[in-house]
C-alpha atoms as a PDB file:
ATOM      1  CA  MET A   1    -171.227-159.121-174.575  1.00  0.00           C
ATOM      2  CA  SER A   2    -172.374-155.591-175.473  1.00  0.00           C
ATOM      3  CA  ARG A   3    -172.222-154.528-179.093  1.00  0.00           C
ATOM      4  CA  LEU A   4    -170.083-151.580-180.096  1.00  0.00           C
ATOM      5  CA  PRO A   5    -172.013-148.653-181.554  1.00  0.00           C
ATOM      6  CA  THR A   6    -172.241-148.534-185.346  1.00  0.00           C
ATOM      7  CA  VAL A   7    -171.764-144.748-185.428  1.00  0.00           C
ATOM      8  CA  PRO A   8    -168.668-143.142-183.839  1.00  0.00           C
ATOM      9  CA  GLU A   9    -169.465-141.154-180.703  1.00  0.00           C
ATOM     10  CA  GLN A  10    -168.822-137.440-180.871  1.00  0.00           C
ATOM     11  CA  PRO A  11    -167.672-135.026-178.150  1.00  0.00           C
ATOM     12  CA  ILE A  12    -170.382-132.764-176.784  1.00  0.00           C
ATOM     13  CA  ILE A  13    -168.122-129.705-176.618  1.00  0.00           C
ATOM     14  CA  ARG A  14    -165.070-128.656-178.618  1.00  0.00           C
ATOM     15  CA  PRO A  15    -163.061-125.409-178.822  1.00  0.00           C
ATOM     16  CA  PRO A  16    -163.994-122.972-181.620  1.00  0.00           C
ATOM     17  CA  SER A  17    -160.450-123.339-182.962  1.00  0.00           C
ATOM     18  CA  GLU A  18    -161.161-127.043-183.591  1.00  0.00           C
ATOM     19  CA  ALA A  19    -164.175-126.407-185.849  1.00  0.00           C
ATOM     20  CA  ALA A  20    -162.475-128.071-188.824  1.00  0.00           C
ATOM     21  CA  SER A  21    -161.041-130.991-186.861  1.00  0.00           C
ATOM     22  CA  VAL A  22    -162.194-134.598-186.858  1.00  0.00           C
ATOM     23  CA  LEU A  23    -163.785-135.216-183.443  1.00  0.00           C
ATOM     24  CA  VAL A  24    -162.850-138.350-181.513  1.00  0.00           C
ATOM     25  CA  ARG A  25    -164.525-139.141-178.203  1.00  0.00           C
ATOM     26  CA  ALA A  26    -162.288-140.795-175.601  1.00  0.00           C
ATOM     27  CA  THR A  27    -164.055-139.701-172.397  1.00  0.00           C
ATOM     28  CA  ARG A  28    -167.683-138.946-171.560  1.00  0.00           C
ATOM     29  CA  GLY A  29    -168.455-135.861-169.520  1.00  0.00           C
ATOM     30  CA  CYS A  30    -166.100-134.273-167.003  1.00  0.00           C
ATOM     31  CA  GLY A  31    -164.269-136.126-164.250  1.00  0.00           C
ATOM     32  CA  TRP A  32    -164.075-133.009-162.048  1.00  0.00           C
ATOM     33  CA  ASN A  33    -167.463-131.412-162.706  1.00  0.00           C
ATOM     34  CA  ARG A  34    -167.314-129.143-159.631  1.00  0.00           C
ATOM     35  CA  CYS A  35    -166.454-125.714-161.052  1.00  0.00           C
ATOM     36  CA  ARG A  36    -169.108-123.297-159.866  1.00  0.00           C
ATOM     37  CA  PHE A  37    -169.077-121.246-163.066  1.00  0.00           C
ATOM     38  CA  CYS A  38    -169.506-124.249-165.340  1.00  0.00           C
ATOM     39  CA  GLY A  39    -171.922-127.171-165.091  1.00  0.00           C
ATOM     40  CA  ILE A  40    -171.791-127.407-168.869  1.00  0.00           C
ATOM     41  CA  TYR A  41    -171.659-131.168-169.377  1.00  0.00           C
ATOM     42  CA  PRO A  42    -174.705-131.861-167.166  1.00  0.00           C
ATOM     43  CA  SER A  43    -176.514-129.049-168.993  1.00  0.00           C
ATOM     44  CA  PHE A  44    -175.886-130.872-172.270  1.00  0.00           C
ATOM     45  CA  GLY A  45    -177.133-134.171-170.898  1.00  0.00           C
ATOM     46  CA  GLU A  46    -173.856-135.761-169.744  1.00  0.00           C
ATOM     47  CA  PRO A  47    -173.959-135.600-165.919  1.00  0.00           C
ATOM     48  CA  GLY A  48    -171.656-138.573-165.365  1.00  0.00           C
ATOM     49  CA  HIS A  49    -168.105-139.326-166.363  1.00  0.00           C
ATOM     50  CA  SER A  50    -166.425-142.381-167.809  1.00  0.00           C
ATOM     51  CA  PHE A  51    -163.408-143.424-169.837  1.00  0.00           C
ATOM     52  CA  ARG A  52    -164.130-145.271-173.053  1.00  0.00           C
ATOM     53  CA  SER A  53    -161.961-148.313-173.736  1.00  0.00           C
ATOM     54  CA  ALA A  54    -158.983-147.844-176.018  1.00  0.00           C
ATOM     55  CA  LYS A  55    -160.350-150.632-178.218  1.00  0.00           C
ATOM     56  CA  GLU A  56    -163.676-148.865-178.682  1.00  0.00           C
ATOM     57  CA  VAL A  57    -162.072-145.480-179.357  1.00  0.00           C
ATOM     58  CA  CYS A  58    -159.623-146.953-181.875  1.00  0.00           C
ATOM     59  CA  ARG A  59    -162.559-148.565-183.682  1.00  0.00           C
ATOM     60  CA  ASP A  60    -164.165-145.123-183.950  1.00  0.00           C
ATOM     61  CA  VAL A  61    -160.898-143.651-185.217  1.00  0.00           C
ATOM     62  CA  ARG A  62    -160.761-146.139-188.068  1.00  0.00           C
ATOM     63  CA  ALA A  63    -164.409-145.475-188.956  1.00  0.00           C
ATOM     64  CA  LEU A  64    -163.809-141.724-188.964  1.00  0.00           C
ATOM     65  CA  ALA A  65    -160.699-142.125-191.124  1.00  0.00           C
ATOM     66  CA  ALA A  66    -162.774-143.961-193.725  1.00  0.00           C
ATOM     67  CA  GLU A  67    -164.938-140.830-194.020  1.00  0.00           C
ATOM     68  CA  TRP A  68    -162.216-138.164-193.747  1.00  0.00           C
ATOM     69  CA  PRO A  69    -158.920-139.802-194.764  1.00  0.00           C
ATOM     70  CA  GLY A  70    -157.255-136.500-195.575  1.00  0.00           C
ATOM     71  CA  ALA A  71    -158.009-134.762-192.253  1.00  0.00           C
ATOM     72  CA  GLU A  72    -155.239-132.462-191.111  1.00  0.00           C
ATOM     73  CA  SER A  73    -156.336-132.036-187.482  1.00  0.00           C
ATOM     74  CA  VAL A  74    -158.015-134.177-184.834  1.00  0.00           C
ATOM     75  CA  PHE A  75    -159.585-133.116-181.533  1.00  0.00           C
ATOM     76  CA  ILE A  76    -160.036-135.673-178.730  1.00  0.00           C
ATOM     77  CA  GLY A  77    -162.905-135.103-176.254  1.00  0.00           C
ATOM     78  CA  ASP A  78    -164.822-134.851-173.937  1.00  0.00           C
ATOM     79  CA  ALA A  79    -163.116-133.253-170.939  1.00  0.00           C
ATOM     80  CA  ASP A  80    -159.570-134.188-169.915  1.00  0.00           C
ATOM     81  CA  PRO A  81    -158.643-137.279-171.990  1.00  0.00           C
ATOM     82  CA  PRO A  82    -155.062-137.173-170.572  1.00  0.00           C
ATOM     83  CA  ALA A  83    -156.608-138.362-167.290  1.00  0.00           C
ATOM     84  CA  MET A  84    -157.199-141.769-168.922  1.00  0.00           C
ATOM     85  CA  PRO A  85    -154.811-144.616-168.103  1.00  0.00           C
ATOM     86  CA  LEU A  86    -151.636-143.447-169.796  1.00  0.00           C
ATOM     87  CA  ALA A  87    -151.098-146.581-171.875  1.00  0.00           C
ATOM     88  CA  ASP A  88    -154.673-146.393-173.189  1.00  0.00           C
ATOM     89  CA  PHE A  89    -154.313-142.768-174.251  1.00  0.00           C
ATOM     90  CA  GLU A  90    -150.979-143.519-175.898  1.00  0.00           C
ATOM     91  CA  ALA A  91    -152.616-146.343-177.873  1.00  0.00           C
ATOM     92  CA  ILE A  92    -155.381-143.993-179.035  1.00  0.00           C
ATOM     93  CA  LEU A  93    -152.869-141.361-180.119  1.00  0.00           C
ATOM     94  CA  ARG A  94    -150.849-143.893-182.096  1.00  0.00           C
ATOM     95  CA  GLU A  95    -154.034-145.149-183.791  1.00  0.00           C
ATOM     96  CA  ILE A  96    -154.977-141.584-184.731  1.00  0.00           C
ATOM     97  CA  HIS A  97    -151.643-140.970-186.404  1.00  0.00           C
ATOM     98  CA  ALA A  98    -151.795-144.286-188.241  1.00  0.00           C
ATOM     99  CA  ALA A  99    -155.347-143.600-189.453  1.00  0.00           C
ATOM    100  CA  PHE A 100    -154.786-139.915-190.306  1.00  0.00           C
ATOM    101  CA  PRO A 101    -151.292-139.673-191.810  1.00  0.00           C
ATOM    102  CA  LYS A 102    -151.874-136.050-192.884  1.00  0.00           C
ATOM    103  CA  ALA A 103    -152.902-134.882-189.405  1.00  0.00           C
ATOM    104  CA  GLU A 104    -150.357-132.360-188.194  1.00  0.00           C
ATOM    105  CA  ARG A 105    -152.363-131.314-185.136  1.00  0.00           C
ATOM    106  CA  VAL A 106    -153.859-133.680-182.542  1.00  0.00           C
ATOM    107  CA  THR A 107    -155.326-131.893-179.541  1.00  0.00           C
ATOM    108  CA  ALA A 108    -157.384-132.443-176.397  1.00  0.00           C
ATOM    109  CA  TYR A 109    -158.859-130.648-173.429  1.00  0.00           C
ATOM    110  CA  ALA A 110    -156.843-131.148-170.236  1.00  0.00           C
ATOM    111  CA  ARG A 111    -157.048-130.032-166.636  1.00  0.00           C
ATOM    112  CA  ALA A 112    -153.932-128.361-165.260  1.00  0.00           C
ATOM    113  CA  SER A 113    -154.063-130.719-162.278  1.00  0.00           C
ATOM    114  CA  THR A 114    -153.998-133.727-164.622  1.00  0.00           C
ATOM    115  CA  LEU A 115    -150.974-132.372-166.489  1.00  0.00           C
ATOM    116  CA  TRP A 116    -149.302-131.725-163.135  1.00  0.00           C
ATOM    117  CA  ARG A 117    -149.944-135.303-161.963  1.00  0.00           C
ATOM    118  CA  LEU A 118    -148.495-136.664-165.206  1.00  0.00           C
ATOM    119  CA  ARG A 119    -145.221-134.900-164.392  1.00  0.00           C
ATOM    120  CA  PRO A 120    -142.618-134.207-167.093  1.00  0.00           C
ATOM    121  CA  GLU A 121    -142.159-137.905-167.827  1.00  0.00           C
ATOM    122  CA  GLY A 122    -145.828-138.592-168.564  1.00  0.00           C
ATOM    123  CA  LEU A 123    -146.174-135.453-170.653  1.00  0.00           C
ATOM    124  CA  ALA A 124    -143.133-136.465-172.699  1.00  0.00           C
ATOM    125  CA  ARG A 125    -144.775-139.847-173.336  1.00  0.00           C
ATOM    126  CA  LEU A 126    -147.936-138.170-174.642  1.00  0.00           C
ATOM    127  CA  ALA A 127    -145.905-135.921-176.928  1.00  0.00           C
ATOM    128  CA  ALA A 128    -143.952-138.925-178.219  1.00  0.00           C
ATOM    129  CA  ALA A 129    -147.230-140.759-178.920  1.00  0.00           C
ATOM    130  CA  GLY A 130    -148.460-137.868-181.045  1.00  0.00           C
ATOM    131  CA  LEU A 131    -150.389-135.378-178.910  1.00  0.00           C
ATOM    132  CA  THR A 132    -149.477-131.891-180.132  1.00  0.00           C
ATOM    133  CA  ARG A 133    -151.602-129.421-178.155  1.00  0.00           C
ATOM    134  CA  VAL A 134    -153.658-129.236-174.956  1.00  0.00           C
ATOM    135  CA  HIS A 135    -156.532-126.804-174.317  1.00  0.00           C
ATOM    136  CA  VAL A 136    -156.478-125.877-170.622  1.00  0.00           C
ATOM    137  CA  GLY A 137    -158.847-123.746-168.546  1.00  0.00           C
ATOM    138  CA  LEU A 138    -156.500-121.357-166.763  1.00  0.00           C
ATOM    139  CA  GLU A 139    -159.600-119.247-165.942  1.00  0.00           C
ATOM    140  CA  SER A 140    -157.785-117.169-163.290  1.00  0.00           C
ATOM    141  CA  GLY A 141    -154.382-116.801-161.706  1.00  0.00           C
ATOM    142  CA  ASP A 142    -155.879-115.442-158.470  1.00  0.00           C
ATOM    143  CA  PHE A 143    -155.823-118.087-155.728  1.00  0.00           C
ATOM    144  CA  ALA A 144    -158.932-116.779-153.927  1.00  0.00           C
ATOM    145  CA  THR A 145    -160.923-116.763-157.167  1.00  0.00           C
ATOM    146  CA  LEU A 146    -159.806-120.279-158.076  1.00  0.00           C
ATOM    147  CA  ARG A 147    -160.771-121.494-154.600  1.00  0.00           C
ATOM    148  CA  LEU A 148    -164.180-119.794-154.621  1.00  0.00           C
ATOM    149  CA  MET A 149    -164.941-121.302-158.021  1.00  0.00           C
ATOM    150  CA  ARG A 150    -163.774-124.763-156.871  1.00  0.00           C
ATOM    151  CA  LYS A 151    -161.379-125.050-159.785  1.00  0.00           C
ATOM    152  CA  GLY A 152    -159.311-127.642-157.949  1.00  0.00           C
ATOM    153  CA  TYR A 153    -155.824-126.234-158.426  1.00  0.00           C
ATOM    154  CA  SER A 154    -153.604-123.318-157.465  1.00  0.00           C
ATOM    155  CA  PRO A 155    -151.514-120.772-159.379  1.00  0.00           C
ATOM    156  CA  ARG A 156    -148.435-122.851-158.509  1.00  0.00           C
ATOM    157  CA  ILE A 157    -149.919-125.919-160.197  1.00  0.00           C
ATOM    158  CA  LEU A 158    -150.827-123.785-163.223  1.00  0.00           C
ATOM    159  CA  VAL A 159    -147.260-122.510-163.510  1.00  0.00           C
ATOM    160  CA  GLU A 160    -145.539-125.853-162.957  1.00  0.00           C
ATOM    161  CA  SER A 161    -147.848-127.840-165.240  1.00  0.00           C
ATOM    162  CA  GLY A 162    -147.624-125.126-167.893  1.00  0.00           C
ATOM    163  CA  ARG A 163    -143.844-125.106-167.885  1.00  0.00           C
ATOM    164  CA  TRP A 164    -143.657-128.919-167.970  1.00  0.00           C
ATOM    165  CA  THR A 165    -146.159-129.055-170.823  1.00  0.00           C
ATOM    166  CA  LYS A 166    -144.085-126.686-172.937  1.00  0.00           C
ATOM    167  CA  ALA A 167    -140.838-128.457-172.046  1.00  0.00           C
ATOM    168  CA  ALA A 168    -142.366-131.729-173.257  1.00  0.00           C
ATOM    169  CA  GLY A 169    -142.861-130.166-176.688  1.00  0.00           C
ATOM    170  CA  LEU A 170    -146.637-129.733-176.430  1.00  0.00           C
ATOM    171  CA  GLU A 171    -148.405-126.539-177.429  1.00  0.00           C
ATOM    172  CA  LEU A 172    -150.248-124.931-174.523  1.00  0.00           C
ATOM    173  CA  SER A 173    -153.551-123.158-175.166  1.00  0.00           C
ATOM    174  CA  TRP A 174    -154.829-121.380-172.037  1.00  0.00           C
ATOM    175  CA  TYR A 175    -158.335-119.988-171.569  1.00  0.00           C
ATOM    176  CA  VAL A 176    -158.825-116.808-169.524  1.00  0.00           C
ATOM    177  CA  LEU A 177    -162.322-116.200-168.163  1.00  0.00           C
ATOM    178  CA  LEU A 178    -163.024-112.481-167.903  1.00  0.00           C
ATOM    179  CA  GLY A 179    -165.418-111.578-165.108  1.00  0.00           C
ATOM    180  CA  LEU A 180    -164.544-114.575-162.923  1.00  0.00           C
ATOM    181  CA  GLY A 181    -163.372-112.343-160.058  1.00  0.00           C
ATOM    182  CA  GLY A 182    -166.690-110.504-160.016  1.00  0.00           C
ATOM    183  CA  LEU A 183    -166.980-106.925-158.823  1.00  0.00           C
ATOM    184  CA  ASP A 184    -164.971-107.546-155.675  1.00  0.00           C
ATOM    185  CA  ARG A 185    -161.818-109.226-157.024  1.00  0.00           C
ATOM    186  CA  TRP A 186    -161.592-108.106-160.633  1.00  0.00           C
ATOM    187  CA  ARG A 187    -158.250-106.382-160.075  1.00  0.00           C
ATOM    188  CA  GLU A 188    -156.757-109.375-158.271  1.00  0.00           C
ATOM    189  CA  HIS A 189    -158.161-111.644-160.970  1.00  0.00           C
ATOM    190  CA  ALA A 190    -156.555-109.601-163.766  1.00  0.00           C
ATOM    191  CA  ASP A 191    -153.243-109.168-161.955  1.00  0.00           C
ATOM    192  CA  GLY A 192    -152.949-112.792-160.838  1.00  0.00           C
ATOM    193  CA  THR A 193    -153.832-114.098-164.280  1.00  0.00           C
ATOM    194  CA  ALA A 194    -151.218-111.867-165.896  1.00  0.00           C
ATOM    195  CA  ALA A 195    -148.622-113.051-163.356  1.00  0.00           C
ATOM    196  CA  VAL A 196    -149.260-116.725-164.194  1.00  0.00           C
ATOM    197  CA  VAL A 197    -149.157-116.005-167.937  1.00  0.00           C
ATOM    198  CA  ASN A 198    -145.887-114.087-167.504  1.00  0.00           C
ATOM    199  CA  ALA A 199    -144.391-117.041-165.639  1.00  0.00           C
ATOM    200  CA  VAL A 200    -145.249-119.580-168.343  1.00  0.00           C
ATOM    201  CA  ASP A 201    -145.637-117.755-171.684  1.00  0.00           C
ATOM    202  CA  PRO A 202    -148.194-120.178-173.186  1.00  0.00           C
ATOM    203  CA  HIS A 203    -148.439-120.552-176.941  1.00  0.00           C
ATOM    204  CA  PHE A 204    -152.040-119.306-176.961  1.00  0.00           C
ATOM    205  CA  ILE A 205    -154.255-117.191-174.696  1.00  0.00           C
ATOM    206  CA  ARG A 206    -157.949-117.449-175.561  1.00  0.00           C
ATOM    207  CA  LEU A 207    -160.346-114.947-174.011  1.00  0.00           C
ATOM    208  CA  ARG A 208    -163.803-115.880-172.780  1.00  0.00           C
ATOM    209  CA  ARG A 209    -166.394-113.940-170.766  1.00  0.00           C
ATOM    210  CA  LEU A 210    -168.189-115.405-167.778  1.00  0.00           C
ATOM    211  CA  TRP A 211    -171.883-116.044-168.423  1.00  0.00           C
ATOM    212  CA  ILE A 212    -173.994-116.988-165.422  1.00  0.00           C
ATOM    213  CA  TYR A 213    -176.599-118.787-167.472  1.00  0.00           C
ATOM    214  CA  GLY A 214    -180.113-119.857-166.560  1.00  0.00           C
ATOM    215  CA  GLY A 215    -181.640-118.836-163.260  1.00  0.00           C
ATOM    216  CA  ASP A 216    -182.270-115.088-163.127  1.00  0.00           C
ATOM    217  CA  ASP A 217    -180.461-114.335-166.385  1.00  0.00           C
ATOM    218  CA  PRO A 218    -182.852-112.720-168.897  1.00  0.00           C
ATOM    219  CA  GLU A 219    -180.782-113.819-171.922  1.00  0.00           C
ATOM    220  CA  SER A 220    -181.039-117.526-171.178  1.00  0.00           C
ATOM    221  CA  PRO A 221    -183.526-119.577-173.206  1.00  0.00           C
ATOM    222  CA  ALA A 222    -186.577-120.825-171.356  1.00  0.00           C
ATOM    223  CA  GLY A 223    -185.955-124.123-169.624  1.00  0.00           C
ATOM    224  CA  MET A 224    -182.170-123.799-169.689  1.00  0.00           C
ATOM    225  CA  PRO A 225    -180.496-125.418-166.649  1.00  0.00           C
ATOM    226  CA  GLU A 226    -179.110-123.083-164.011  1.00  0.00           C
ATOM    227  CA  SER A 227    -175.440-122.277-163.576  1.00  0.00           C
ATOM    228  CA  PRO A 228    -174.143-123.517-160.199  1.00  0.00           C
ATOM    229  CA  LEU A 229    -172.798-119.988-159.611  1.00  0.00           C
ATOM    230  CA  TRP A 230    -176.309-118.623-159.017  1.00  0.00           C
ATOM    231  CA  ALA A 231    -176.211-120.084-155.502  1.00  0.00           C
ATOM    232  CA  LEU A 232    -173.284-117.797-154.626  1.00  0.00           C
ATOM    233  CA  VAL A 233    -174.927-114.793-156.283  1.00  0.00           C
ATOM    234  CA  ARG A 234    -178.131-115.218-154.274  1.00  0.00           C
ATOM    235  CA  ALA A 235    -176.166-115.756-151.068  1.00  0.00           C
ATOM    236  CA  GLY A 236    -174.279-112.486-151.655  1.00  0.00           C
ATOM    237  CA  ARG A 237    -170.929-114.260-151.933  1.00  0.00           C
ATOM    238  CA  PHE A 238    -170.389-113.293-155.566  1.00  0.00           C
ATOM    239  CA  ARG A 239    -171.313-109.998-157.212  1.00  0.00           C
ATOM    240  CA  PRO A 240    -171.191-110.313-161.015  1.00  0.00           C
ATOM    241  CA  GLN A 241    -168.922-108.034-163.005  1.00  0.00           C
ATOM    242  CA  THR A 242    -170.556-105.406-165.234  1.00  0.00           C
ATOM    243  CA  PRO A 243    -170.070-105.408-169.006  1.00  0.00           C
ATOM    244  CA  GLU A 244    -168.034-102.199-168.786  1.00  0.00           C
ATOM    245  CA  GLY A 245    -166.036-103.625-165.906  1.00  0.00           C
ATOM    246  CA  THR A 246    -165.159-106.655-168.029  1.00  0.00           C
ATOM    247  CA  VAL A 247    -163.574-104.358-170.624  1.00  0.00           C
ATOM    248  CA  HIS A 248    -161.535-102.534-167.983  1.00  0.00           C
ATOM    249  CA  GLU A 249    -160.509-105.924-166.610  1.00  0.00           C
ATOM    250  CA  LEU A 250    -159.210-106.979-170.022  1.00  0.00           C
ATOM    251  CA  ARG A 251    -157.249-103.749-170.333  1.00  0.00           C
ATOM    252  CA  ARG A 252    -155.653-104.236-166.922  1.00  0.00           C
ATOM    253  CA  PHE A 253    -154.725-107.828-167.770  1.00  0.00           C
ATOM    254  CA  LEU A 254    -153.011-106.736-170.997  1.00  0.00           C
ATOM    255  CA  GLU A 255    -151.201-103.884-169.249  1.00  0.00           C
ATOM    256  CA  ARG A 256    -149.595-106.271-166.788  1.00  0.00           C
ATOM    257  CA  LEU A 257    -148.231-108.741-169.323  1.00  0.00           C
ATOM    258  CA  GLU A 258    -144.453-108.737-169.613  1.00  0.00           C
ATOM    259  CA  GLY A 259    -142.045-110.530-171.916  1.00  0.00           C
ATOM    260  CA  VAL A 260    -144.458-113.082-173.370  1.00  0.00           C
ATOM    261  CA  SER A 261    -144.825-114.160-176.993  1.00  0.00           C
ATOM    262  CA  SER A 262    -148.265-115.782-176.808  1.00  0.00           C
ATOM    263  CA  GLU A 263    -150.852-115.521-179.570  1.00  0.00           C
ATOM    264  CA  LEU A 264    -153.904-113.861-178.011  1.00  0.00           C
ATOM    265  CA  ALA A 265    -157.329-114.591-179.502  1.00  0.00           C
ATOM    266  CA  SER A 266    -160.877-113.436-178.754  1.00  0.00           C
ATOM    267  CA  ASP A 267    -162.302-116.431-180.602  1.00  0.00           C
ATOM    268  CA  HIS A 268    -165.699-116.584-178.933  1.00  0.00           C
ATOM    269  CA  GLY A 269    -168.871-114.702-179.775  1.00  0.00           C
ATOM    270  CA  ASN A 270    -169.487-113.362-176.279  1.00  0.00           C
ATOM    271  CA  ASN A 271    -166.371-111.152-176.089  1.00  0.00           C
ATOM    272  CA  TYR A 272    -167.318-107.475-175.992  1.00  0.00           C
ATOM    273  CA  VAL A 273    -164.026-106.218-177.486  1.00  0.00           C
ATOM    274  CA  ARG A 274    -162.361-108.711-179.796  1.00  0.00           C
ATOM    275  CA  VAL A 275    -158.685-107.900-179.620  1.00  0.00           C
ATOM    276  CA  ALA A 276    -156.186-110.323-181.100  1.00  0.00           C
ATOM    277  CA  GLY A 277    -152.544-110.513-182.038  1.00  0.00           C
ATOM    278  CA  ARG A 278    -149.062-111.537-181.006  1.00  0.00           C
ATOM    279  CA  LEU A 279    -147.756-110.538-177.601  1.00  0.00           C
ATOM    280  CA  MET A 280    -145.844-108.420-176.870  1.00  0.00           C
ATOM    281  CA  ALA A 281    -145.569-106.969-180.379  1.00  0.00           C
ATOM    282  CA  ASP A 282    -149.286-106.202-180.721  1.00  0.00           C
ATOM    283  CA  ARG A 283    -150.109-105.548-177.045  1.00  0.00           C
ATOM    284  CA  ASP A 284    -150.048-101.737-177.230  1.00  0.00           C
ATOM    285  CA  GLY A 285    -152.277-101.801-180.292  1.00  0.00           C
ATOM    286  CA  MET A 286    -154.791-103.975-178.433  1.00  0.00           C
ATOM    287  CA  ILE A 287    -154.841-101.540-175.513  1.00  0.00           C
ATOM    288  CA  GLU A 288    -155.346 -98.653-177.926  1.00  0.00           C
ATOM    289  CA  GLU A 289    -158.280-100.510-179.496  1.00  0.00           C
ATOM    290  CA  ILE A 290    -159.839-100.951-176.051  1.00  0.00           C
ATOM    291  CA  ASP A 291    -159.313 -97.260-175.282  1.00  0.00           C
ATOM    292  CA  ARG A 292    -161.002 -96.284-178.533  1.00  0.00           C
ATOM    293  CA  PHE A 293    -163.949 -98.467-177.581  1.00  0.00           C
ATOM    294  CA  LEU A 294    -164.154 -96.918-174.099  1.00  0.00           C
ATOM    295  CA  ALA A 295    -164.164 -93.466-175.722  1.00  0.00           C
ATOM    296  CA  TRP A 296    -167.384 -94.282-177.593  1.00  0.00           C
ATOM    297  CA  PRO A 297    -170.539 -92.571-176.321  1.00  0.00           C
ATOM    298  CA  VAL A 298    -172.209 -94.478-173.489  1.00  0.00           C
ATOM    299  CA  GLU A 299    -175.229 -95.368-175.617  1.00  0.00           C
ATOM    300  CA  LYS A 300    -173.030 -96.866-178.330  1.00  0.00           C
ATOM    301  CA  ARG A 301    -171.072 -98.970-175.805  1.00  0.00           C
ATOM    302  CA  GLN A 302    -174.269-100.187-174.196  1.00  0.00           C
ATOM    303  CA  ARG A 303    -175.586-101.213-177.605  1.00  0.00           C
ATOM    304  CA  ARG A 304    -172.448-103.279-178.202  1.00  0.00           C
ATOM    305  CA  TYR A 305    -172.947-105.026-174.871  1.00  0.00           C
ATOM    306  CA  ARG A 306    -176.533-105.874-175.758  1.00  0.00           C
ATOM    307  CA  LEU A 307    -175.704-107.073-179.276  1.00  0.00           C
ATOM    308  CA  ALA A 308    -172.778-109.232-178.158  1.00  0.00           C
ATOM    309  CA  GLY A 309    -175.188-111.370-176.185  1.00  0.00           C
ATOM    310  CA  SER A 310    -174.234-114.414-174.151  1.00  0.00           C
ATOM    311  CA  GLN A 311    -173.614-117.950-175.285  1.00  0.00           C
ATOM    312  CA  LEU A 312    -171.758-121.069-174.220  1.00  0.00           C
END
């Protein structure tokens, strides 16, 4: 019989918005692990994927509660814990709420395809067990971009899973990856993403910028693993977006939003223009901020692009 670890395992990656949360590890690595723009878990030393047992995770929860009994938020990692056997994940959620009675927010990463497979009934069970928010990589609403990047789902699945998630009473936090359409599909990427957002009206939209790390990238630290996307770049199948093009892409995306009430955040260090606010009330102000930035002298804009840097 193997011994349980004496120190609770921690997720490798968590959203910036969960910086103050207690971290509970329910899965190891990513069960999909095919997205061409990612490769993050293998880069951090977790190339495989496995579900931890509910018993082992609940033991960690109790140990963590002994250290932080007054925690008000809990994040469950690594990638896609809702893909676990449903009864196991429900047991973990109930243990979290018993161990952290002050926790008002319990969140996890989730793939849209997993939420879609759970259907409304499974999502309602997770909400009843105490899950409050899911962080989902929308990335793009353009079907061709999603297919090229091997994301594993379509705009239809994004819309249906998003609507079901909200109907179940869960908060939906979607991540938009600027630059994912490259030079050739940036307009379709912006327009398709706005169309999916308009159809669902998620609670949160979080902006990120594509970084093709490693390989030929001069900003990457020496010895850093290579992004899988470099293979497409070298084959001429993907032409990376320019920094200036990324800003125009963001503007186009905002312009095409209609009737949504999402909270938009640029809560990552690699965003060139960090607009934020409530849609639609603050949308025009965000566009005006982008226009002011684009009116800067070229040298000043280029300096911003250099200083923003790239990071995971």
